[in-house]
Amino acid sequence: MQKHWSQVEYLHQTVTNPNIHLRGTHSYYSHAWTGSFEDSVVRYHYGDEFSRNAWTPQWPIDQLHIGDYVCIGAEAIILMGGNNTHRTEWFSLYPFGDVIAEAYEGKGDTRIGDGAWLGMRAVIMPGITIGEGAVVASGAIVTKDVAPYTIVAGNAAKLVRARFDEATIAKLLALNIYDWPVEKFDALRPTVCASDIDALIAASERWDAATA
């Protein structure tokens, strides 16, 4: 199929790296101007075909976890731990092969929460957690965790605003909408694709009662 900005790559159909873990079948990458998600977005991550055949890792591999309904904009980058071999407290930053194991400093797993949106050319540094429903603006460089249902922008990325008030966010998180059965999520989509939290709660309660 010819690439076009209106076409997307659904991650569950293409990801092969065993160190990338996907939830659900709705997360996508806008790949019209680059290669695939694994070739272009995920950087320095052991587990692709070449690295699996070329060497055995000397340290635990940081994992990438991606939730469901995640939207990843064109040319975004998710940096993983494979290049964390430049020790800033050493006199030399160079990753000499004979001390590579000592040079490596793991940053931990990277997690992109359900319903998050990474804008075009956003950069996610290793070991970061992007909360549920968070928005990373285009071109932002994320060096710290991003709270659920907030918007961050800039270099380094800083909080712009919360998407909703604290009470609404708390209620949203308590609803666990991304843990709902697909049938429930689809049935309640008119209230999910809206901004009335009380209507959403009421619709959820009605659906639960009707299917109990």
N, C-alpha and C. Protein backbone atom coordinates (compact mmCIF):
# COMPACT_ATOMS: atom_id res chain seq x y z
N MET A 1 0.84 -1.20 0.00
CA MET A 1 0.00 0.00 0.00
C MET A 1 0.88 1.25 0.00
N GLN A 2 0.55 2.22 -0.84
CA GLN A 2 1.32 3.45 -0.90
C GLN A 2 1.14 4.24 0.38
N LYS A 3 2.26 4.78 0.91
CA LYS A 3 2.19 5.56 2.13
C LYS A 3 1.54 6.92 1.86
N HIS A 4 0.75 7.35 2.82
CA HIS A 4 0.10 8.65 2.75
C HIS A 4 -0.18 9.08 4.17
N TRP A 5 -0.23 10.37 4.43
CA TRP A 5 -0.42 10.85 5.80
C TRP A 5 -1.73 10.38 6.42
N SER A 6 -2.68 9.98 5.59
CA SER A 6 -3.96 9.49 6.12
C SER A 6 -3.90 8.01 6.48
N GLN A 7 -2.79 7.34 6.16
CA GLN A 7 -2.62 5.93 6.47
C GLN A 7 -1.74 5.80 7.72
N VAL A 8 -2.00 4.79 8.52
CA VAL A 8 -1.20 4.58 9.73
C VAL A 8 -0.75 3.12 9.81
N GLU A 9 0.26 2.90 10.63
CA GLU A 9 0.77 1.55 10.91
C GLU A 9 0.24 1.11 12.26
N TYR A 10 -0.57 0.08 12.29
CA TYR A 10 -1.05 -0.45 13.56
C TYR A 10 0.04 -1.35 14.16
N LEU A 11 0.46 -1.01 15.35
CA LEU A 11 1.66 -1.63 15.92
C LEU A 11 1.52 -3.13 16.12
N HIS A 12 0.33 -3.58 16.50
CA HIS A 12 0.17 -5.01 16.75
C HIS A 12 0.34 -5.84 15.48
N GLN A 13 0.26 -5.19 14.32
CA GLN A 13 0.41 -5.90 13.06
C GLN A 13 1.87 -5.97 12.59
N THR A 14 2.74 -5.16 13.17
CA THR A 14 4.10 -5.04 12.63
C THR A 14 5.21 -5.31 13.63
N VAL A 15 4.98 -5.08 14.92
CA VAL A 15 6.07 -5.18 15.90
C VAL A 15 6.48 -6.63 16.10
N THR A 16 7.78 -6.88 16.04
CA THR A 16 8.32 -8.23 16.21
C THR A 16 9.31 -8.32 17.37
N ASN A 17 9.81 -7.20 17.85
CA ASN A 17 10.80 -7.21 18.92
C ASN A 17 10.16 -7.75 20.20
N PRO A 18 10.73 -8.81 20.80
CA PRO A 18 10.12 -9.38 22.01
C PRO A 18 10.24 -8.48 23.23
N ASN A 19 11.02 -7.42 23.14
CA ASN A 19 11.17 -6.49 24.24
C ASN A 19 10.25 -5.28 24.12
N ILE A 20 9.36 -5.31 23.15
CA ILE A 20 8.30 -4.31 23.01
C ILE A 20 6.97 -4.99 23.33
N HIS A 21 6.26 -4.47 24.30
CA HIS A 21 5.04 -5.10 24.78
C HIS A 21 3.84 -4.19 24.49
N LEU A 22 2.87 -4.71 23.78
CA LEU A 22 1.71 -3.93 23.35
C LEU A 22 0.46 -4.41 24.07
N ARG A 23 -0.39 -3.44 24.40
CA ARG A 23 -1.69 -3.74 24.97
C ARG A 23 -2.75 -3.41 23.93
N GLY A 24 -3.55 -4.39 23.58
CA GLY A 24 -4.63 -4.10 22.66
C GLY A 24 -4.20 -4.02 21.21
N THR A 25 -5.13 -3.59 20.37
CA THR A 25 -4.93 -3.62 18.92
C THR A 25 -5.22 -2.28 18.25
N HIS A 26 -5.18 -1.20 19.02
CA HIS A 26 -5.58 0.09 18.45
C HIS A 26 -4.44 1.11 18.33
N SER A 27 -3.31 0.87 18.98
CA SER A 27 -2.22 1.86 18.94
C SER A 27 -1.59 1.90 17.55
N TYR A 28 -1.23 3.12 17.13
CA TYR A 28 -0.70 3.26 15.77
C TYR A 28 0.43 4.27 15.71
N TYR A 29 1.18 4.18 14.60
CA TYR A 29 2.23 5.15 14.27
C TYR A 29 1.91 5.77 12.92
N SER A 30 2.01 7.11 12.83
CA SER A 30 1.81 7.82 11.56
C SER A 30 3.12 7.76 10.76
N HIS A 31 3.25 6.75 9.93
CA HIS A 31 4.54 6.40 9.33
C HIS A 31 4.73 6.91 7.90
N ALA A 32 3.92 7.86 7.47
CA ALA A 32 3.93 8.24 6.06
C ALA A 32 5.28 8.75 5.57
N TRP A 33 6.06 9.41 6.44
CA TRP A 33 7.30 10.06 5.99
C TRP A 33 8.56 9.34 6.47
N THR A 34 8.39 8.18 7.10
CA THR A 34 9.56 7.46 7.63
C THR A 34 9.36 5.97 7.39
N GLY A 35 10.32 5.20 7.90
CA GLY A 35 10.18 3.75 7.88
C GLY A 35 9.18 3.30 8.93
N SER A 36 9.23 2.03 9.25
CA SER A 36 8.29 1.46 10.20
C SER A 36 8.55 1.96 11.61
N PHE A 37 7.62 1.66 12.50
CA PHE A 37 7.75 2.02 13.92
C PHE A 37 9.05 1.48 14.51
N GLU A 38 9.33 0.21 14.29
CA GLU A 38 10.55 -0.37 14.86
C GLU A 38 11.80 0.19 14.21
N ASP A 39 11.76 0.48 12.92
CA ASP A 39 12.95 0.98 12.22
C ASP A 39 13.22 2.45 12.51
N SER A 40 12.16 3.24 12.75
CA SER A 40 12.33 4.69 12.82
C SER A 40 12.12 5.29 14.20
N VAL A 41 11.17 4.75 14.96
CA VAL A 41 10.81 5.37 16.24
C VAL A 41 11.64 4.82 17.40
N VAL A 42 11.72 3.52 17.50
CA VAL A 42 12.40 2.89 18.63
C VAL A 42 13.90 2.83 18.34
N ARG A 43 14.69 3.51 19.15
CA ARG A 43 16.14 3.61 18.90
C ARG A 43 16.93 2.94 20.03
N TYR A 44 18.05 2.31 19.64
CA TYR A 44 19.00 1.71 20.59
C TYR A 44 18.32 0.67 21.49
N HIS A 45 17.56 -0.22 20.85
CA HIS A 45 16.81 -1.21 21.63
C HIS A 45 17.18 -2.61 21.16
N TYR A 46 17.78 -3.38 22.04
CA TYR A 46 18.11 -4.76 21.71
C TYR A 46 16.84 -5.56 21.47
N GLY A 47 16.91 -6.48 20.54
CA GLY A 47 15.78 -7.36 20.28
C GLY A 47 15.32 -7.33 18.84
N ASP A 48 15.82 -6.38 18.05
CA ASP A 48 15.54 -6.41 16.63
C ASP A 48 16.33 -7.56 16.00
N GLU A 49 16.01 -7.88 14.76
CA GLU A 49 16.60 -9.06 14.12
C GLU A 49 18.13 -8.99 14.10
N PHE A 50 18.71 -7.84 13.80
CA PHE A 50 20.17 -7.72 13.70
C PHE A 50 20.82 -7.95 15.06
N SER A 51 20.35 -7.26 16.09
CA SER A 51 21.00 -7.38 17.40
C SER A 51 20.85 -8.78 17.99
N ARG A 52 19.70 -9.41 17.75
CA ARG A 52 19.50 -10.77 18.27
C ARG A 52 20.52 -11.73 17.69
N ASN A 53 20.91 -11.52 16.43
CA ASN A 53 21.84 -12.43 15.77
C ASN A 53 23.30 -12.00 15.93
N ALA A 54 23.53 -10.74 16.31
CA ALA A 54 24.91 -10.23 16.32
C ALA A 54 25.60 -10.38 17.66
N TRP A 55 24.87 -10.28 18.78
CA TRP A 55 25.55 -10.37 20.07
C TRP A 55 24.60 -10.77 21.18
N THR A 56 25.21 -11.16 22.30
CA THR A 56 24.45 -11.47 23.50
C THR A 56 24.58 -10.30 24.46
N PRO A 57 23.48 -9.74 24.96
CA PRO A 57 23.58 -8.56 25.83
C PRO A 57 24.28 -8.88 27.14
N GLN A 58 25.00 -7.90 27.66
CA GLN A 58 25.75 -8.06 28.91
C GLN A 58 25.01 -7.48 30.10
N TRP A 59 23.80 -7.00 29.90
CA TRP A 59 23.02 -6.40 30.99
C TRP A 59 21.54 -6.64 30.72
N PRO A 60 20.69 -6.49 31.74
CA PRO A 60 19.25 -6.65 31.53
C PRO A 60 18.74 -5.63 30.52
N ILE A 61 17.85 -6.07 29.66
CA ILE A 61 17.33 -5.20 28.60
C ILE A 61 16.13 -4.43 29.11
N ASP A 62 16.20 -3.10 29.00
CA ASP A 62 15.04 -2.27 29.35
C ASP A 62 13.90 -2.58 28.38
N GLN A 63 12.70 -2.69 28.92
CA GLN A 63 11.53 -3.06 28.13
C GLN A 63 10.73 -1.80 27.76
N LEU A 64 10.05 -1.89 26.62
CA LEU A 64 9.16 -0.82 26.17
C LEU A 64 7.73 -1.33 26.26
N HIS A 65 6.91 -0.65 27.03
CA HIS A 65 5.51 -1.02 27.21
C HIS A 65 4.63 0.08 26.59
N ILE A 66 3.74 -0.29 25.70
CA ILE A 66 2.88 0.66 25.02
C ILE A 66 1.43 0.24 25.24
N GLY A 67 0.64 1.15 25.77
CA GLY A 67 -0.75 0.86 26.05
C GLY A 67 -1.62 0.80 24.81
N ASP A 68 -2.90 0.69 25.03
CA ASP A 68 -3.85 0.64 23.92
C ASP A 68 -4.32 2.07 23.58
N TYR A 69 -4.79 2.25 22.36
CA TYR A 69 -5.29 3.54 21.87
C TYR A 69 -4.23 4.65 21.95
N VAL A 70 -2.96 4.28 21.79
CA VAL A 70 -1.87 5.25 21.77
C VAL A 70 -1.68 5.77 20.34
N CYS A 71 -1.53 7.09 20.21
CA CYS A 71 -1.31 7.74 18.90
C CYS A 71 0.11 8.28 18.87
N ILE A 72 0.91 7.82 17.90
CA ILE A 72 2.31 8.24 17.82
C ILE A 72 2.51 8.97 16.51
N GLY A 73 2.85 10.26 16.62
CA GLY A 73 2.99 11.11 15.44
C GLY A 73 4.24 10.82 14.64
N ALA A 74 4.23 11.28 13.40
CA ALA A 74 5.33 11.05 12.47
C ALA A 74 6.66 11.53 13.04
N GLU A 75 7.69 10.73 12.85
CA GLU A 75 9.07 11.06 13.19
C GLU A 75 9.31 11.21 14.69
N ALA A 76 8.38 10.71 15.51
CA ALA A 76 8.64 10.66 16.95
C ALA A 76 9.79 9.68 17.21
N ILE A 77 10.46 9.85 18.35
CA ILE A 77 11.58 8.98 18.72
C ILE A 77 11.40 8.53 20.16
N ILE A 78 11.53 7.24 20.38
CA ILE A 78 11.56 6.68 21.73
C ILE A 78 12.95 6.09 21.93
N LEU A 79 13.77 6.77 22.73
CA LEU A 79 15.13 6.31 22.98
C LEU A 79 15.12 5.25 24.07
N MET A 80 15.78 4.14 23.80
CA MET A 80 15.88 3.07 24.78
C MET A 80 17.30 3.00 25.34
N GLY A 81 17.57 1.98 26.14
CA GLY A 81 18.79 1.98 26.95
C GLY A 81 20.06 1.48 26.30
N GLY A 82 20.00 1.04 25.05
CA GLY A 82 21.17 0.42 24.45
C GLY A 82 22.38 1.31 24.31
N ASN A 83 22.17 2.63 24.35
CA ASN A 83 23.31 3.54 24.21
C ASN A 83 23.66 4.24 25.52
N ASN A 84 23.18 3.70 26.64
CA ASN A 84 23.49 4.32 27.94
C ASN A 84 24.86 3.87 28.43
N THR A 85 25.87 4.10 27.61
CA THR A 85 27.23 3.64 27.92
C THR A 85 28.22 4.81 27.92
N HIS A 86 27.73 5.99 28.18
CA HIS A 86 28.58 7.19 28.21
C HIS A 86 28.54 7.76 29.63
N ARG A 87 29.50 7.39 30.46
CA ARG A 87 29.49 7.75 31.88
C ARG A 87 30.00 9.17 32.05
N THR A 88 29.12 10.07 32.45
CA THR A 88 29.50 11.47 32.54
C THR A 88 30.46 11.75 33.70
N GLU A 89 30.52 10.86 34.70
CA GLU A 89 31.46 11.09 35.81
C GLU A 89 32.84 10.51 35.52
N TRP A 90 32.98 9.79 34.38
CA TRP A 90 34.30 9.30 33.97
C TRP A 90 34.97 10.40 33.14
N PHE A 91 36.29 10.39 33.12
CA PHE A 91 37.02 11.38 32.32
C PHE A 91 36.72 11.21 30.83
N SER A 92 36.61 9.96 30.38
CA SER A 92 36.30 9.71 28.98
C SER A 92 34.87 9.22 28.86
N LEU A 93 34.13 9.82 27.93
CA LEU A 93 32.76 9.39 27.65
C LEU A 93 32.71 8.23 26.66
N TYR A 94 33.84 7.89 26.07
CA TYR A 94 33.87 6.93 24.97
C TYR A 94 33.53 5.52 25.46
N PRO A 95 32.66 4.80 24.74
CA PRO A 95 32.25 3.45 25.17
C PRO A 95 33.22 2.37 24.73
N PHE A 96 34.39 2.31 25.36
CA PHE A 96 35.38 1.31 25.01
C PHE A 96 34.83 -0.09 25.27
N GLY A 97 35.07 -0.99 24.32
CA GLY A 97 34.51 -2.32 24.40
C GLY A 97 34.92 -3.11 25.64
N ASP A 98 36.15 -2.91 26.12
CA ASP A 98 36.61 -3.72 27.25
C ASP A 98 36.03 -3.27 28.59
N VAL A 99 35.38 -2.09 28.62
CA VAL A 99 34.74 -1.64 29.86
C VAL A 99 33.26 -1.32 29.62
N ILE A 100 32.69 -1.86 28.55
CA ILE A 100 31.33 -1.49 28.17
C ILE A 100 30.32 -1.90 29.23
N ALA A 101 30.55 -3.04 29.87
CA ALA A 101 29.61 -3.48 30.90
C ALA A 101 29.62 -2.54 32.10
N GLU A 102 30.81 -2.06 32.47
CA GLU A 102 30.91 -1.11 33.58
C GLU A 102 30.36 0.26 33.19
N ALA A 103 30.47 0.61 31.90
CA ALA A 103 30.00 1.91 31.44
C ALA A 103 28.48 1.99 31.38
N TYR A 104 27.83 0.85 31.18
CA TYR A 104 26.38 0.86 31.01
C TYR A 104 25.66 1.24 32.30
N GLU A 105 24.69 2.14 32.18
CA GLU A 105 23.82 2.52 33.29
C GLU A 105 22.37 2.44 32.82
N GLY A 106 21.65 1.42 33.28
CA GLY A 106 20.27 1.25 32.88
C GLY A 106 19.37 2.36 33.40
N LYS A 107 18.38 2.71 32.63
CA LYS A 107 17.42 3.76 33.01
C LYS A 107 16.06 3.18 33.39
N GLY A 108 15.89 1.87 33.24
CA GLY A 108 14.60 1.26 33.54
C GLY A 108 13.69 1.21 32.33
N ASP A 109 12.57 0.56 32.50
CA ASP A 109 11.61 0.40 31.40
C ASP A 109 10.96 1.73 31.02
N THR A 110 10.56 1.82 29.78
CA THR A 110 9.81 2.97 29.27
C THR A 110 8.36 2.55 29.10
N ARG A 111 7.44 3.41 29.55
CA ARG A 111 6.02 3.08 29.51
C ARG A 111 5.22 4.23 28.89
N ILE A 112 4.46 3.89 27.87
CA ILE A 112 3.57 4.85 27.22
C ILE A 112 2.15 4.42 27.59
N GLY A 113 1.45 5.22 28.39
CA GLY A 113 0.15 4.82 28.92
C GLY A 113 -0.95 4.79 27.88
N ASP A 114 -2.01 4.07 28.23
CA ASP A 114 -3.19 3.99 27.37
C ASP A 114 -3.69 5.38 26.99
N GLY A 115 -4.08 5.52 25.73
CA GLY A 115 -4.71 6.76 25.29
C GLY A 115 -3.79 7.96 25.18
N ALA A 116 -2.47 7.75 25.29
CA ALA A 116 -1.54 8.87 25.18
C ALA A 116 -1.35 9.27 23.71
N TRP A 117 -0.87 10.49 23.51
CA TRP A 117 -0.62 11.00 22.16
C TRP A 117 0.76 11.64 22.14
N LEU A 118 1.65 11.08 21.32
CA LEU A 118 2.99 11.64 21.13
C LEU A 118 2.98 12.41 19.82
N GLY A 119 3.22 13.71 19.89
CA GLY A 119 3.17 14.54 18.70
C GLY A 119 4.34 14.32 17.77
N MET A 120 4.24 14.87 16.56
CA MET A 120 5.28 14.74 15.55
C MET A 120 6.63 15.21 16.09
N ARG A 121 7.65 14.38 15.92
CA ARG A 121 9.03 14.65 16.29
C ARG A 121 9.24 14.81 17.80
N ALA A 122 8.30 14.34 18.59
CA ALA A 122 8.54 14.28 20.04
C ALA A 122 9.64 13.26 20.31
N VAL A 123 10.42 13.51 21.36
CA VAL A 123 11.49 12.61 21.75
C VAL A 123 11.26 12.18 23.20
N ILE A 124 11.21 10.88 23.43
CA ILE A 124 11.03 10.33 24.76
C ILE A 124 12.35 9.73 25.20
N MET A 125 12.95 10.25 26.27
CA MET A 125 14.22 9.74 26.75
C MET A 125 14.04 8.42 27.48
N PRO A 126 15.13 7.65 27.69
CA PRO A 126 15.00 6.31 28.29
C PRO A 126 14.42 6.35 29.70
N GLY A 127 13.64 5.33 30.01
CA GLY A 127 13.13 5.15 31.37
C GLY A 127 11.97 6.04 31.75
N ILE A 128 11.35 6.68 30.78
CA ILE A 128 10.26 7.63 31.05
C ILE A 128 8.92 6.91 31.08
N THR A 129 8.01 7.40 31.91
CA THR A 129 6.63 6.94 31.92
C THR A 129 5.72 8.08 31.47
N ILE A 130 4.96 7.83 30.42
CA ILE A 130 3.96 8.77 29.93
C ILE A 130 2.61 8.28 30.44
N GLY A 131 1.92 9.08 31.22
CA GLY A 131 0.69 8.66 31.86
C GLY A 131 -0.47 8.49 30.90
N GLU A 132 -1.49 7.82 31.38
CA GLU A 132 -2.72 7.62 30.62
C GLU A 132 -3.27 8.96 30.12
N GLY A 133 -3.62 9.00 28.85
CA GLY A 133 -4.26 10.17 28.29
C GLY A 133 -3.40 11.42 28.21
N ALA A 134 -2.09 11.28 28.39
CA ALA A 134 -1.21 12.45 28.34
C ALA A 134 -0.92 12.83 26.89
N VAL A 135 -0.58 14.11 26.68
CA VAL A 135 -0.23 14.62 25.37
C VAL A 135 1.19 15.18 25.42
N VAL A 136 2.04 14.71 24.51
CA VAL A 136 3.39 15.24 24.36
C VAL A 136 3.40 16.05 23.07
N ALA A 137 3.62 17.35 23.18
CA ALA A 137 3.51 18.24 22.03
C ALA A 137 4.58 17.94 20.99
N SER A 138 4.33 18.35 19.77
CA SER A 138 5.28 18.18 18.69
C SER A 138 6.62 18.81 19.05
N GLY A 139 7.69 18.07 18.81
CA GLY A 139 9.04 18.58 19.05
C GLY A 139 9.47 18.58 20.50
N ALA A 140 8.64 18.16 21.41
CA ALA A 140 9.01 18.15 22.83
C ALA A 140 10.07 17.08 23.09
N ILE A 141 10.95 17.35 24.04
CA ILE A 141 11.94 16.37 24.48
C ILE A 141 11.64 16.06 25.94
N VAL A 142 11.17 14.84 26.17
CA VAL A 142 10.66 14.46 27.48
C VAL A 142 11.76 13.83 28.30
N THR A 143 12.15 14.47 29.40
CA THR A 143 13.22 13.98 30.27
C THR A 143 12.71 13.55 31.63
N LYS A 144 11.42 13.80 31.91
CA LYS A 144 10.81 13.41 33.18
C LYS A 144 9.45 12.78 32.92
N ASP A 145 8.99 11.99 33.86
CA ASP A 145 7.68 11.35 33.72
C ASP A 145 6.59 12.39 33.49
N VAL A 146 5.57 11.99 32.73
CA VAL A 146 4.45 12.87 32.41
C VAL A 146 3.20 12.32 33.09
N ALA A 147 2.54 13.15 33.87
CA ALA A 147 1.36 12.72 34.63
C ALA A 147 0.18 12.44 33.71
N PRO A 148 -0.73 11.58 34.15
CA PRO A 148 -1.91 11.28 33.33
C PRO A 148 -2.73 12.53 33.01
N TYR A 149 -3.25 12.56 31.80
CA TYR A 149 -4.17 13.62 31.34
C TYR A 149 -3.58 15.03 31.51
N THR A 150 -2.27 15.13 31.22
CA THR A 150 -1.63 16.44 31.17
C THR A 150 -1.03 16.66 29.78
N ILE A 151 -0.67 17.90 29.49
CA ILE A 151 -0.03 18.27 28.23
C ILE A 151 1.33 18.86 28.55
N VAL A 152 2.39 18.33 27.91
CA VAL A 152 3.73 18.87 28.10
C VAL A 152 4.28 19.31 26.75
N ALA A 153 5.20 20.30 26.80
CA ALA A 153 5.80 20.82 25.58
C ALA A 153 7.16 21.41 25.91
N GLY A 154 7.99 21.53 24.88
CA GLY A 154 9.26 22.22 25.03
C GLY A 154 10.45 21.31 25.18
N ASN A 155 11.63 21.94 25.33
CA ASN A 155 12.90 21.25 25.51
C ASN A 155 13.66 21.93 26.65
N ALA A 156 13.73 21.26 27.80
CA ALA A 156 13.08 20.00 28.14
C ALA A 156 11.59 20.23 28.39
N ALA A 157 10.80 19.16 28.14
CA ALA A 157 9.35 19.29 28.21
C ALA A 157 8.89 19.70 29.61
N LYS A 158 7.98 20.65 29.64
CA LYS A 158 7.39 21.11 30.90
C LYS A 158 5.87 21.09 30.79
N LEU A 159 5.23 21.08 31.95
CA LEU A 159 3.78 21.06 31.98
C LEU A 159 3.21 22.33 31.36
N VAL A 160 2.29 22.15 30.42
CA VAL A 160 1.54 23.26 29.85
C VAL A 160 0.25 23.45 30.64
N ARG A 161 -0.49 22.37 30.77
CA ARG A 161 -1.71 22.39 31.55
C ARG A 161 -2.23 20.97 31.70
N ALA A 162 -3.12 20.79 32.64
CA ALA A 162 -3.87 19.54 32.73
C ALA A 162 -5.02 19.58 31.74
N ARG A 163 -5.38 18.45 31.22
CA ARG A 163 -6.48 18.41 30.26
C ARG A 163 -7.83 18.63 30.95
N PHE A 164 -7.93 18.22 32.21
CA PHE A 164 -9.16 18.36 32.97
C PHE A 164 -8.81 18.77 34.39
N ASP A 165 -9.80 19.13 35.19
CA ASP A 165 -9.53 19.46 36.59
C ASP A 165 -9.18 18.19 37.35
N GLU A 166 -8.62 18.36 38.55
CA GLU A 166 -8.13 17.23 39.33
C GLU A 166 -9.22 16.21 39.63
N ALA A 167 -10.40 16.69 39.97
CA ALA A 167 -11.50 15.79 40.31
C ALA A 167 -11.90 14.93 39.12
N THR A 168 -11.95 15.55 37.93
CA THR A 168 -12.32 14.80 36.73
C THR A 168 -11.26 13.76 36.40
N ILE A 169 -10.00 14.13 36.52
CA ILE A 169 -8.91 13.19 36.24
C ILE A 169 -8.97 12.01 37.20
N ALA A 170 -9.22 12.28 38.47
CA ALA A 170 -9.32 11.21 39.46
C ALA A 170 -10.46 10.25 39.11
N LYS A 171 -11.59 10.81 38.69
CA LYS A 171 -12.73 9.96 38.32
C LYS A 171 -12.42 9.15 37.06
N LEU A 172 -11.75 9.78 36.10
CA LEU A 172 -11.37 9.08 34.87
C LEU A 172 -10.46 7.90 35.17
N LEU A 173 -9.44 8.14 35.99
CA LEU A 173 -8.50 7.07 36.33
C LEU A 173 -9.21 5.95 37.08
N ALA A 174 -10.16 6.31 37.93
CA ALA A 174 -10.90 5.29 38.69
C ALA A 174 -11.79 4.45 37.78
N LEU A 175 -12.25 5.02 36.68
CA LEU A 175 -13.10 4.28 35.75
C LEU A 175 -12.34 3.20 34.99
N ASN A 176 -11.01 3.40 34.83
CA ASN A 176 -10.20 2.41 34.09
C ASN A 176 -10.81 2.10 32.72
N ILE A 177 -11.10 3.14 31.96
CA ILE A 177 -11.82 2.92 30.71
C ILE A 177 -11.05 2.04 29.73
N TYR A 178 -9.71 2.04 29.83
CA TYR A 178 -8.93 1.24 28.89
C TYR A 178 -8.81 -0.21 29.33
N ASP A 179 -9.37 -0.53 30.49
CA ASP A 179 -9.48 -1.92 30.91
C ASP A 179 -10.86 -2.50 30.62
N TRP A 180 -11.76 -1.69 30.13
CA TRP A 180 -13.10 -2.16 29.81
C TRP A 180 -13.04 -3.21 28.69
N PRO A 181 -13.98 -4.14 28.67
CA PRO A 181 -14.11 -5.00 27.49
C PRO A 181 -14.36 -4.14 26.24
N VAL A 182 -13.89 -4.63 25.13
CA VAL A 182 -14.06 -3.88 23.88
C VAL A 182 -15.53 -3.57 23.63
N GLU A 183 -16.41 -4.51 23.97
CA GLU A 183 -17.84 -4.31 23.74
C GLU A 183 -18.36 -3.10 24.54
N LYS A 184 -17.88 -2.97 25.77
CA LYS A 184 -18.32 -1.84 26.59
C LYS A 184 -17.74 -0.53 26.05
N PHE A 185 -16.46 -0.55 25.73
CA PHE A 185 -15.81 0.66 25.23
C PHE A 185 -16.51 1.15 23.97
N ASP A 186 -16.80 0.21 23.06
CA ASP A 186 -17.46 0.59 21.80
C ASP A 186 -18.88 1.10 22.04
N ALA A 187 -19.59 0.45 22.96
CA ALA A 187 -20.97 0.85 23.23
C ALA A 187 -21.04 2.23 23.86
N LEU A 188 -20.04 2.57 24.67
CA LEU A 188 -20.03 3.86 25.37
C LEU A 188 -19.19 4.91 24.67
N ARG A 189 -18.81 4.64 23.43
CA ARG A 189 -17.95 5.58 22.72
C ARG A 189 -18.53 6.99 22.62
N PRO A 190 -19.85 7.15 22.46
CA PRO A 190 -20.39 8.53 22.42
C PRO A 190 -20.08 9.33 23.69
N THR A 191 -20.00 8.66 24.84
CA THR A 191 -19.67 9.38 26.07
C THR A 191 -18.17 9.41 26.33
N VAL A 192 -17.43 8.45 25.75
CA VAL A 192 -15.97 8.50 25.84
C VAL A 192 -15.44 9.64 24.97
N CYS A 193 -16.04 9.82 23.81
CA CYS A 193 -15.66 10.90 22.90
C CYS A 193 -16.47 12.15 23.22
N ALA A 194 -16.38 12.57 24.46
CA ALA A 194 -17.08 13.75 24.95
C ALA A 194 -16.35 14.22 26.20
N SER A 195 -16.95 15.14 26.95
CA SER A 195 -16.24 15.70 28.11
C SER A 195 -17.12 15.83 29.35
N ASP A 196 -18.20 15.05 29.41
CA ASP A 196 -19.08 15.08 30.57
C ASP A 196 -18.79 13.85 31.43
N ILE A 197 -18.00 14.02 32.49
CA ILE A 197 -17.56 12.88 33.30
C ILE A 197 -18.74 12.22 34.01
N ASP A 198 -19.71 13.01 34.45
CA ASP A 198 -20.86 12.41 35.13
C ASP A 198 -21.68 11.55 34.17
N ALA A 199 -21.81 11.99 32.92
CA ALA A 199 -22.52 11.20 31.93
C ALA A 199 -21.77 9.90 31.65
N LEU A 200 -20.46 9.98 31.63
CA LEU A 200 -19.65 8.78 31.39
C LEU A 200 -19.79 7.78 32.54
N ILE A 201 -19.75 8.28 33.76
CA ILE A 201 -19.92 7.41 34.93
C ILE A 201 -21.30 6.76 34.92
N ALA A 202 -22.31 7.54 34.63
CA ALA A 202 -23.67 7.01 34.60
C ALA A 202 -23.83 5.95 33.51
N ALA A 203 -23.26 6.22 32.33
CA ALA A 203 -23.35 5.25 31.23
C ALA A 203 -22.63 3.96 31.59
N SER A 204 -21.49 4.10 32.27
CA SER A 204 -20.74 2.91 32.70
C SER A 204 -21.56 2.08 33.68
N GLU A 205 -22.19 2.75 34.62
CA GLU A 205 -22.99 2.03 35.62
C GLU A 205 -24.19 1.33 34.97
N ARG A 206 -24.82 1.99 34.00
CA ARG A 206 -25.95 1.37 33.30
C ARG A 206 -25.50 0.14 32.52
N TRP A 207 -24.37 0.26 31.84
CA TRP A 207 -23.86 -0.88 31.06
C TRP A 207 -23.54 -2.04 31.98
N ASP A 208 -22.86 -1.77 33.11
CA ASP A 208 -22.50 -2.83 34.05
C ASP A 208 -23.76 -3.52 34.60
N ALA A 209 -24.78 -2.73 34.93
CA ALA A 209 -26.01 -3.29 35.47
C ALA A 209 -26.72 -4.15 34.42
N ALA A 210 -26.70 -3.70 33.18
CA ALA A 210 -27.40 -4.41 32.14
C ALA A 210 -26.72 -5.71 31.75
N THR A 211 -25.41 -5.79 31.98
CA THR A 211 -24.66 -6.98 31.57
C THR A 211 -24.27 -7.86 32.75
N ALA A 212 -24.72 -7.49 33.95
CA ALA A 212 -24.35 -8.27 35.15
C ALA A 212 -25.02 -9.65 35.11
